[in-house]
Amino acid sequence: MPEDKKKLLIVEDDTGLQKQLKWTFDDFEVLQAANREEALAHLRRSEPAVVLQDLGLPPDADGVGEGMATLKEILSLAPRTKVIVVTGNADRDNAVRAVGFGACDFYQKPLDTDVLRLIVDRAFHIHALEEQNRALRESQAGSPLKGIIANDAGMLRVCRMVEKVAPTSVSVLVLGESGTGKELIARAVHDLGERRKARFVAINCAAIPEQLLESELFGHEKGAFTGAIKTTPGKIEVADGGTLFLDEIGDMPLPLQAKLLRFLQARVIERVGGREEIAVDVRIVCATHQDLKALIAEQRFREDLYYRLSEVSVTLPPLRDRPGDAVVLAHAFLGRFGAEQGMPRRGFAPQAVAAIQAYAWPGNVRELENKIKTAVIMAEGPLVTADDLGLADAPGGELLFNLKEVRARAERQAILQALALADGKISRAADLLGVSRPTLYDLMDRYGIRRDDGAS
């Protein structure tokens, strides 16, 4: 059998109908099964992309119980397989039930081979598109930085900046709303730098009471205060040779800001209650969701400390300003949490995808992550719905299945990604896309992509 033939599994117990269907689909590699056991054996052995299954299977040929059970088992074993169920005339209710269980389509007898051929061809096409998208998501899952999933041009620029900054010794200030992934960026700075073999030590300046924060940062000597029963090094000292991540630096009290500034200038610390100066070699990475310049104007943050901490500033865009990334992230989270919980899901219903795209995500990536985790547990079917996510249906969600629109969105996003990777250079972006400069200019005009973003 030629390797390039698509595999179609036909589950049908009527031998006459088996022969007719095999003849109808003679340009496919047709696998045939008369019952559930044979169907599952073919499924495991050959992994067909599409299954055409009669709901009336023995030993319940006059009912649909065995057929429904077979459908559920096929989708449980191979959730990405497209199953088309075949029902008797006027048996629309069971066909709709089958689609609710995860079948991609249905066909009612009597047999019209031309119509059935169109339905099967469409199922193969959808399967191929989904496999391409899945491969793309998996290739993006580990890029461009560890733990960062991004397709948006702005986020890719952030990742390129991190790659440039990480090998240096400069202090980095990461700015962005809560939930945008500031600590992931801080860890990427550490992991890509020369200190990656040493420790990455994190402390949240907003989570520790002011009276304890100094001891947490600088350590204390035995007897320095009530309860100090032994000498304890602080986070700065523990991070010696590595990276210290100060999260929510905007919440650090002014007295501690002065002491941190002294450390950054002299690179020595004194523990609380101690007099000995201890030299520490550590890289500082800070993060905050606050506007530090506004805090400086209000005299709540030291300007001299700001300039020490922000030798390089990295601003993370909120999820609502990263077109397409919410859906890519949602699929990645769905795969991860489905595996963790032992509850694999095939994907998202079209309305769920539309709702994810339409929602503003005020809690950013963290909110999306939480909603997907909950949906994996609460979803009753193989596809996660907008209700499972706790999101309202977005108007026009059905347009996501319009192939013209899907192609246009994918093409626009590919151009934005290429421009981001090429630092806005048209010639380089055209090479990455495999098109000429004039063609790329035409595409940019078509999709309203500006040429003035560093293009050359």
Foldseek 3Di string as FASTA:
>chain_A
DDPPAAEEEEADQDPVVVVVVCVLPVSHNYHYHQALVSRVVCCVPPVGQEYEYEQQGPPRNVDRPRSLVSLLVSCVVPVLRAYEYEYEPPPVVVNVVSVQQPHPYYYYDDDDSVVVVVVVVVSVVVSVVVVVVVVVLVVQCCPDHHRDRALFLLVLLLVVVLLVQLQDQAFEEEEEAAQLCRVVSVLRSFCNYPLVVADEAEDEQVPDDLVCVLCQAAWAADPLDPPRNHTDGHRQQNRFSGEYEYEAPLNHAPVVLVQVLVCLVVQWGAHRVGDDTHHGHYGYYYYHHDDVVVCVVVVRHDPVSVCRNPVDYRYGDFPLPRQPRQQSLLVVLQVVLCVVVVQHASEADLQLSQQSRPDNPPNGNVLSNVLSNQLSVPPPHRHRYCVSSVTDGDPPSVCCPVVVVVVLVVVVSLLSSLCSVVQLEQCSSCVVVVHHSVVSVVSCVVVVNDSPNRYD
